[in-house]
Structures are given as C-alpha cells and as structure tokens.
Amino acid sequence: MDIHAGIITAVVLGLLGSLLTIQAGLRSIRSGRKLTFYRLRQQRVYGGWRWIVVGVLLLAGAAWLAFFGEPVAYEYFPPSPTPSLTPSPTIIPTITLTPTITLTPTITDTPSVTDTPTITPTPYLPDPIQALFQSAVTPNPSAVFSPISFSTQFDGVNAINPQTVFQNPVGHMYGAFSYNNMIPGVQWTALWLRNGILVHYETKPWDGTTGGYGFTDWAPSASEWLPGTYDVQIFVGLDWKVVGEFIVQGNPPTPSPTVTFKPTVKPTLTRTPSPTPTSSRTPVPTATK
C-alpha cells in the first residue's frame, strides 16, 4: 500500500468513526432525557455530548487528512524516483535457409484381419430355469444387491477374507452379498457359469427378509473345479440384479480310482447219466427136418 492509498483509507475510517460516535452521542442524550433521576439524567446527557465532541474531532481530522495529509507525508517520506528503462536495440536475426530432405513414401502394411470388438450380452435366464419357477409373487423393481464377495469360508453373514483369484483345490465356495427392498416369497435365481457355460444353479422362493445379508454357494467335488473364469449372476424374477466374477487357477486334483469287486461264480458240475445198454434177442435156430 502506498501513501496515497493509506491517506484515503484513514479518511474513510475517520468519517465512519465520526458518524458512529455522533450517532452514539445523540442516542445517549435522548435516553438520558427519559430518566427520572436528575443526576443520572445529567450524566447520560453529558456523556452524549462528549461522544458528539469526539465525533466532531474525528470528522475534522478526516477533513484535515483529506486536504493536507498527503503533502505532509511526502515531506517526511519523499518519493524516490523510479528509473525508466531504456530499451536496448533488438537485433533482427537473419533467416538461414536449411535444405530440406524429401522423404520417400513408405508402404503402409494393411492388416489382413481386423479385430471386431465383441458385444457383451446382458445376462438372461435360460428357458429351462424359468420352467422351474414356483413363486407367483411379483418382484419389486427397486430391489438392489451389493457386489458379490467370494470366499471358501463364511461366518453366516459375511465372507471371510474374500478374494477374486483362487488356487486349486477349491472346495466349498460362497458368494456373499447384502440386499434391500426384497419381497418374501418372490422367485430368485443364482446362476454359476464357467467361461460362459452353466455349471450350477439354484432357484427358489425368497425365504429371507426385505433387507439384510444373504449368500449363494456351490460345493462340488474338488475334481469339478476346472480352471477358468467363473461368473455368478443373480436374478429376481426375470430381472438381472448383479453379477460377480472370480478366477480359479491350477489343475484340480485327480479323483482317486475306485476298485469294484465282482463276486466270482464257481462253475457247477452237472452229471449226465450214462446210457443203459439195451439187450437184443438172438434168434434160436429151428430144427429142420
């Protein structure tokens, strides 16, 4: 802030202070005249006049600063001359022509195969699964599900140490979630797919409350957990609500062969009776005469 701006600020503050003090003095005189006791009335009136005198002095000081403050300040704080910059001559550079190299056009390889992005279809319920519906309750369109958390351990409410990548052997898998705005008795379905192929499902009327925690699970034999990407899709009625994904890596354990014992059948001997010889008559020669 320079001297000129400081003087203007002081004048404005003096004017404001003068107005406030004069107003306070007038207010004190008016209130003092309403008092009953003489001494208190006189004190209040005298106090009001003192405020008015202070306001007048402030007004006079502001007027003096406005007319004489800046010249007096310059006498004690003379302004220092500001040297003006002398422009130095600017040398105009000459343009040097640089020979340009003419590039030989190159042949752009055209790819023989163009990758077309695949469209991810919206999950839907297959007709054979729809044929298994038992409930006639109309689903609530505002029903919502949280993202699915996957784990091989479940405490009844939440999945313990949920992961997205699992190493064989896997075992019992849980998909835990929270939900809200569900209607008891409505049909709900969970589809388990490996690389887009259905490997497990469950569909039944909803036996939970309108809001809380739930889960879907699958417990096949260890040899059925083939490596790949698994998707779990949850539907309420025919409306798809949420899908979760996890990956299984490594080959599943080979199932141990089972030995089947077949009973050995002992051959039975059948005796065939020998034929009985039949006797033949020998003709007796007759005597001839």
Protein backbone atom coordinates (compact mmCIF):
# COMPACT_ATOMS: atom_id res chain seq x y z
CA MET A 1 0.00 0.00 0.00
CA ASP A 2 1.42 3.40 -0.98
CA ILE A 3 0.99 6.80 0.81
CA HIS A 4 -1.96 7.85 -1.33
CA ALA A 5 -3.92 4.68 -0.62
CA GLY A 6 -3.10 4.90 3.09
CA ILE A 7 -4.38 8.51 3.31
CA ILE A 8 -7.65 7.54 1.58
CA THR A 9 -8.11 4.62 3.95
CA ALA A 10 -7.52 6.84 7.00
CA VAL A 11 -10.04 9.42 5.73
CA VAL A 12 -12.71 6.75 5.20
CA LEU A 13 -12.12 5.25 8.65
CA GLY A 14 -12.26 8.75 10.23
CA LEU A 15 -15.58 9.51 8.55
CA LEU A 16 -17.06 6.20 9.68
CA GLY A 17 -15.80 6.72 13.24
CA SER A 18 -17.21 10.24 13.31
CA LEU A 19 -20.64 9.10 12.17
CA LEU A 20 -20.72 6.29 14.71
CA THR A 21 -19.64 8.40 17.66
CA ILE A 22 -22.03 11.25 16.83
CA GLN A 23 -24.86 8.75 16.49
CA ALA A 24 -23.92 7.19 19.84
CA GLY A 25 -23.88 10.65 21.48
CA LEU A 26 -27.32 11.55 20.16
CA ARG A 27 -28.69 8.22 21.32
CA SER A 28 -27.22 8.79 24.80
CA ILE A 29 -28.76 12.29 25.04
CA ARG A 30 -32.21 11.00 24.03
CA SER A 31 -32.11 8.15 26.52
CA GLY A 32 -30.82 10.46 29.31
CA ARG A 33 -33.74 12.84 28.94
CA LYS A 34 -36.12 10.00 29.70
CA LEU A 35 -34.55 9.20 33.07
CA THR A 36 -36.36 10.23 36.23
CA PHE A 37 -33.39 10.96 38.47
CA TYR A 38 -31.65 14.23 37.84
CA ARG A 39 -28.09 13.08 38.47
CA LEU A 40 -28.37 10.06 36.21
CA ARG A 41 -30.03 12.20 33.56
CA GLN A 42 -27.23 14.75 33.68
CA GLN A 43 -24.55 12.04 33.49
CA ARG A 44 -26.18 10.45 30.50
CA VAL A 45 -26.62 13.81 28.70
CA TYR A 46 -23.02 14.89 29.42
CA GLY A 47 -21.76 11.53 28.17
CA GLY A 48 -23.71 12.02 24.97
CA TRP A 49 -22.18 15.44 24.37
CA ARG A 50 -18.71 14.01 24.91
CA TRP A 51 -19.38 11.42 22.19
CA ILE A 52 -20.57 14.21 19.88
CA VAL A 53 -17.38 16.22 20.54
CA VAL A 54 -15.23 13.15 19.78
CA GLY A 55 -17.19 12.61 16.56
CA VAL A 56 -16.66 16.22 15.51
CA LEU A 57 -12.92 15.91 16.20
CA LEU A 58 -12.77 12.73 14.11
CA LEU A 59 -14.62 14.50 11.30
CA ALA A 60 -12.19 17.41 11.47
CA GLY A 61 -9.22 15.04 11.47
CA ALA A 62 -10.57 13.22 8.43
CA ALA A 63 -11.04 16.55 6.61
CA TRP A 64 -7.50 17.65 7.50
CA LEU A 65 -6.08 14.32 6.23
CA ALA A 66 -8.05 14.71 3.03
CA PHE A 67 -6.58 18.16 2.28
CA PHE A 68 -3.18 18.24 3.98
CA GLY A 69 -2.28 14.66 4.89
CA GLU A 70 -0.66 13.58 1.65
CA PRO A 71 1.61 16.67 1.22
CA VAL A 72 2.78 16.41 4.84
CA ALA A 73 3.51 12.71 4.41
CA TYR A 74 5.59 13.39 1.33
CA GLU A 75 7.70 15.86 3.34
CA TYR A 76 8.73 13.12 5.74
CA PHE A 77 8.76 10.30 3.17
CA PRO A 78 9.85 11.81 -0.13
CA PRO A 79 9.12 9.53 -3.08
CA SER A 80 12.18 8.01 -4.70
CA PRO A 81 12.46 8.48 -8.45
CA THR A 82 11.86 5.35 -10.46
CA PRO A 83 14.44 4.90 -13.20
CA SER A 84 12.93 4.38 -16.58
CA LEU A 85 14.23 1.52 -18.62
CA THR A 86 15.98 2.45 -21.81
CA PRO A 87 15.08 -0.05 -24.50
CA SER A 88 18.07 -1.80 -25.95
CA PRO A 89 18.23 -2.24 -29.70
CA THR A 90 16.85 -5.56 -30.81
CA ILE A 91 18.91 -7.43 -33.33
CA ILE A 92 16.73 -8.94 -36.01
CA PRO A 93 18.07 -12.40 -36.83
CA THR A 94 18.59 -13.25 -40.42
CA ILE A 95 16.84 -16.28 -41.79
CA THR A 96 19.17 -19.07 -42.80
CA LEU A 97 17.75 -21.43 -45.32
CA THR A 98 18.14 -25.06 -44.29
CA PRO A 99 17.94 -27.65 -47.04
CA THR A 100 15.03 -29.98 -46.51
CA ILE A 101 15.19 -33.72 -47.07
CA THR A 102 12.49 -35.17 -49.26
CA LEU A 103 11.22 -38.33 -47.64
CA THR A 104 10.46 -41.32 -49.78
CA PRO A 105 6.91 -42.53 -49.12
CA THR A 106 6.77 -45.86 -47.35
CA ILE A 107 4.25 -48.61 -47.89
CA THR A 108 1.77 -48.93 -45.05
CA ASP A 109 1.01 -52.52 -44.13
CA THR A 110 -2.69 -53.21 -44.21
CA PRO A 111 -3.72 -55.81 -41.60
CA SER A 112 -5.35 -58.82 -43.16
CA VAL A 113 -7.54 -59.47 -40.12
CA THR A 114 -9.45 -56.68 -38.39
CA ASP A 115 -10.37 -57.34 -34.78
CA THR A 116 -14.04 -56.65 -34.24
CA PRO A 117 -14.97 -55.93 -30.62
CA THR A 118 -17.34 -58.47 -29.18
CA ILE A 119 -20.58 -57.32 -27.60
CA THR A 120 -21.09 -58.48 -24.02
CA PRO A 121 -24.64 -59.81 -23.83
CA THR A 122 -26.92 -58.90 -20.95
CA PRO A 123 -27.38 -61.85 -18.57
CA TYR A 124 -30.67 -63.65 -19.00
CA LEU A 125 -32.39 -66.69 -17.56
CA PRO A 126 -32.49 -69.79 -19.79
CA ASP A 127 -35.94 -71.19 -20.54
CA PRO A 128 -35.31 -74.49 -18.66
CA ILE A 129 -34.55 -72.48 -15.50
CA GLN A 130 -37.69 -70.37 -15.95
CA ALA A 131 -39.74 -73.56 -16.19
CA LEU A 132 -38.66 -74.39 -12.61
CA PHE A 133 -40.22 -71.24 -11.10
CA GLN A 134 -42.57 -71.92 -8.17
CA SER A 135 -43.46 -68.42 -6.93
CA ALA A 136 -46.19 -66.17 -8.31
CA VAL A 137 -45.14 -63.10 -6.26
CA THR A 138 -44.44 -60.03 -8.40
CA PRO A 139 -40.82 -58.85 -7.96
CA ASN A 140 -40.08 -55.39 -6.61
CA PRO A 141 -38.25 -53.47 -9.38
CA SER A 142 -36.39 -51.39 -6.76
CA ALA A 143 -34.74 -54.44 -5.16
CA VAL A 144 -30.97 -53.94 -5.01
CA PHE A 145 -27.97 -56.20 -4.31
CA SER A 146 -24.43 -55.31 -3.32
CA PRO A 147 -21.38 -56.63 -5.21
CA ILE A 148 -20.75 -60.32 -4.53
CA SER A 149 -17.79 -61.31 -2.32
CA PHE A 150 -16.33 -64.79 -2.87
CA SER A 151 -14.62 -66.94 -0.27
CA THR A 152 -14.29 -70.56 0.79
CA GLN A 153 -15.18 -69.55 4.36
CA PHE A 154 -18.43 -68.00 5.59
CA ASP A 155 -19.41 -66.89 9.10
CA GLY A 156 -23.16 -66.81 8.44
CA VAL A 157 -23.21 -63.11 7.48
CA ASN A 158 -20.03 -62.16 5.64
CA ALA A 159 -17.45 -63.91 3.51
CA ILE A 160 -14.18 -64.36 5.44
CA ASN A 161 -11.12 -62.99 3.61
CA PRO A 162 -12.87 -62.58 0.23
CA GLN A 163 -10.73 -62.95 -2.89
CA THR A 164 -11.07 -62.86 -6.67
CA VAL A 165 -8.40 -65.46 -7.55
CA PHE A 166 -8.35 -68.98 -6.05
CA GLN A 167 -5.87 -71.81 -6.43
CA ASN A 168 -6.93 -75.42 -6.72
CA PRO A 169 -8.08 -77.34 -4.78
CA VAL A 170 -11.01 -75.03 -4.01
CA GLY A 171 -13.79 -76.94 -2.28
CA HIS A 172 -16.92 -75.19 -0.96
CA MET A 173 -17.38 -71.70 -2.49
CA TYR A 174 -19.62 -68.96 -1.05
CA GLY A 175 -20.86 -65.80 -2.78
CA ALA A 176 -21.96 -63.34 -0.05
CA PHE A 177 -23.93 -60.13 -0.61
CA SER A 178 -26.24 -57.64 1.06
CA TYR A 179 -29.70 -56.76 -0.25
CA ASN A 180 -32.64 -54.41 0.24
CA ASN A 181 -36.25 -53.92 -0.93
CA MET A 182 -36.81 -57.64 -1.41
CA ILE A 183 -40.27 -59.26 -1.09
CA PRO A 184 -40.52 -62.56 0.83
CA GLY A 185 -41.72 -65.36 -1.42
CA VAL A 186 -40.51 -63.85 -4.70
CA GLN A 187 -38.58 -66.17 -7.01
CA TRP A 188 -34.83 -65.60 -7.05
CA THR A 189 -32.15 -67.41 -9.01
CA ALA A 190 -28.35 -67.71 -8.90
CA LEU A 191 -26.51 -69.00 -11.99
CA TRP A 192 -22.90 -70.22 -11.77
CA LEU A 193 -21.08 -70.20 -15.11
CA ARG A 194 -17.54 -71.20 -16.08
CA ASN A 195 -16.29 -69.44 -19.20
CA GLY A 196 -19.93 -68.72 -20.13
CA ILE A 197 -21.15 -72.32 -19.63
CA LEU A 198 -23.69 -73.07 -16.88
CA VAL A 199 -22.22 -75.43 -14.28
CA HIS A 200 -24.54 -74.89 -11.31
CA TYR A 201 -27.74 -73.04 -10.39
CA GLU A 202 -30.25 -72.59 -7.61
CA THR A 203 -33.74 -71.11 -7.94
CA LYS A 204 -36.40 -70.97 -5.25
CA PRO A 205 -38.80 -68.57 -3.49
CA TRP A 206 -37.04 -65.97 -1.36
CA ASP A 207 -37.03 -67.10 2.28
CA GLY A 208 -35.26 -64.03 3.71
CA THR A 209 -36.44 -60.61 4.89
CA THR A 210 -36.78 -57.36 2.96
CA GLY A 211 -33.22 -56.32 3.75
CA GLY A 212 -30.08 -57.85 5.20
CA TYR A 213 -27.37 -60.30 4.18
CA GLY A 214 -27.53 -63.41 2.01
CA PHE A 215 -25.38 -65.84 0.06
CA THR A 216 -25.31 -68.40 -2.72
CA ASP A 217 -22.95 -71.37 -2.57
CA TRP A 218 -21.68 -74.35 -4.53
CA ALA A 219 -19.92 -77.38 -3.09
CA PRO A 220 -18.95 -79.76 -5.89
CA SER A 221 -16.21 -82.34 -5.60
CA ALA A 222 -12.68 -80.93 -5.80
CA SER A 223 -12.14 -82.51 -9.22
CA GLU A 224 -15.01 -80.43 -10.72
CA TRP A 225 -13.27 -77.08 -10.09
CA LEU A 226 -11.75 -76.72 -13.54
CA PRO A 227 -9.54 -73.66 -14.12
CA GLY A 228 -11.23 -70.70 -15.74
CA THR A 229 -13.31 -67.57 -15.13
CA TYR A 230 -16.48 -68.10 -13.10
CA ASP A 231 -19.45 -65.73 -13.17
CA VAL A 232 -22.28 -65.72 -10.63
CA GLN A 233 -25.45 -63.99 -11.86
CA ILE A 234 -28.34 -63.20 -9.51
CA PHE A 235 -31.89 -62.64 -10.77
CA VAL A 236 -35.09 -61.60 -9.01
CA GLY A 237 -37.87 -62.97 -11.11
CA LEU A 238 -36.64 -62.39 -14.67
CA ASP A 239 -34.76 -59.20 -13.72
CA TRP A 240 -30.98 -59.42 -13.58
CA LYS A 241 -29.62 -57.66 -10.48
CA VAL A 242 -25.89 -58.28 -10.03
CA VAL A 243 -23.02 -60.38 -11.38
CA GLY A 244 -19.79 -61.35 -9.64
CA GLU A 245 -16.62 -62.86 -11.06
CA PHE A 246 -13.71 -64.89 -9.72
CA ILE A 247 -10.90 -66.94 -11.27
CA VAL A 248 -9.76 -70.47 -10.47
CA GLN A 249 -6.18 -71.33 -11.35
CA GLY A 250 -4.34 -74.63 -11.40
CA ASN A 251 -5.47 -78.12 -12.28
CA PRO A 252 -7.95 -79.79 -9.95
CA PRO A 253 -6.89 -82.93 -8.08
CA THR A 254 -7.42 -86.17 -9.96
CA PRO A 255 -10.14 -88.27 -8.38
CA SER A 256 -8.78 -91.49 -6.87
CA PRO A 257 -9.91 -94.60 -8.77
CA THR A 258 -12.43 -96.80 -7.02
CA VAL A 259 -12.00 -100.58 -7.13
CA THR A 260 -15.17 -102.55 -7.70
CA PHE A 261 -15.14 -106.14 -6.52
CA LYS A 262 -17.19 -108.58 -8.56
CA PRO A 263 -18.21 -111.90 -6.97
CA THR A 264 -16.55 -114.95 -8.53
CA VAL A 265 -19.04 -117.52 -9.72
CA LYS A 266 -17.88 -121.11 -9.23
CA PRO A 267 -18.90 -123.43 -12.04
CA THR A 268 -21.34 -126.18 -11.07
CA LEU A 269 -20.82 -129.66 -12.39
CA THR A 270 -23.82 -131.33 -13.96
CA ARG A 271 -23.69 -135.09 -14.13
CA THR A 272 -25.15 -136.64 -17.24
CA PRO A 273 -26.35 -140.25 -16.70
CA SER A 274 -24.65 -142.81 -18.97
CA PRO A 275 -26.95 -144.60 -21.38
CA THR A 276 -28.22 -148.03 -20.25
CA PRO A 277 -27.41 -150.78 -22.76
CA THR A 278 -30.42 -152.50 -24.18
CA SER A 279 -30.37 -156.33 -24.72
CA SER A 280 -31.21 -157.74 -28.09
CA ARG A 281 -32.72 -161.16 -28.61
CA THR A 282 -30.70 -163.73 -30.50
CA PRO A 283 -32.98 -165.82 -32.57
CA VAL A 284 -32.84 -169.54 -31.71
CA PRO A 285 -32.34 -171.70 -34.77
CA THR A 286 -35.11 -174.01 -35.51
CA ALA A 287 -34.55 -177.59 -36.32
CA THR A 288 -35.23 -178.66 -39.79
CA LYS A 289 -36.07 -181.98 -40.71
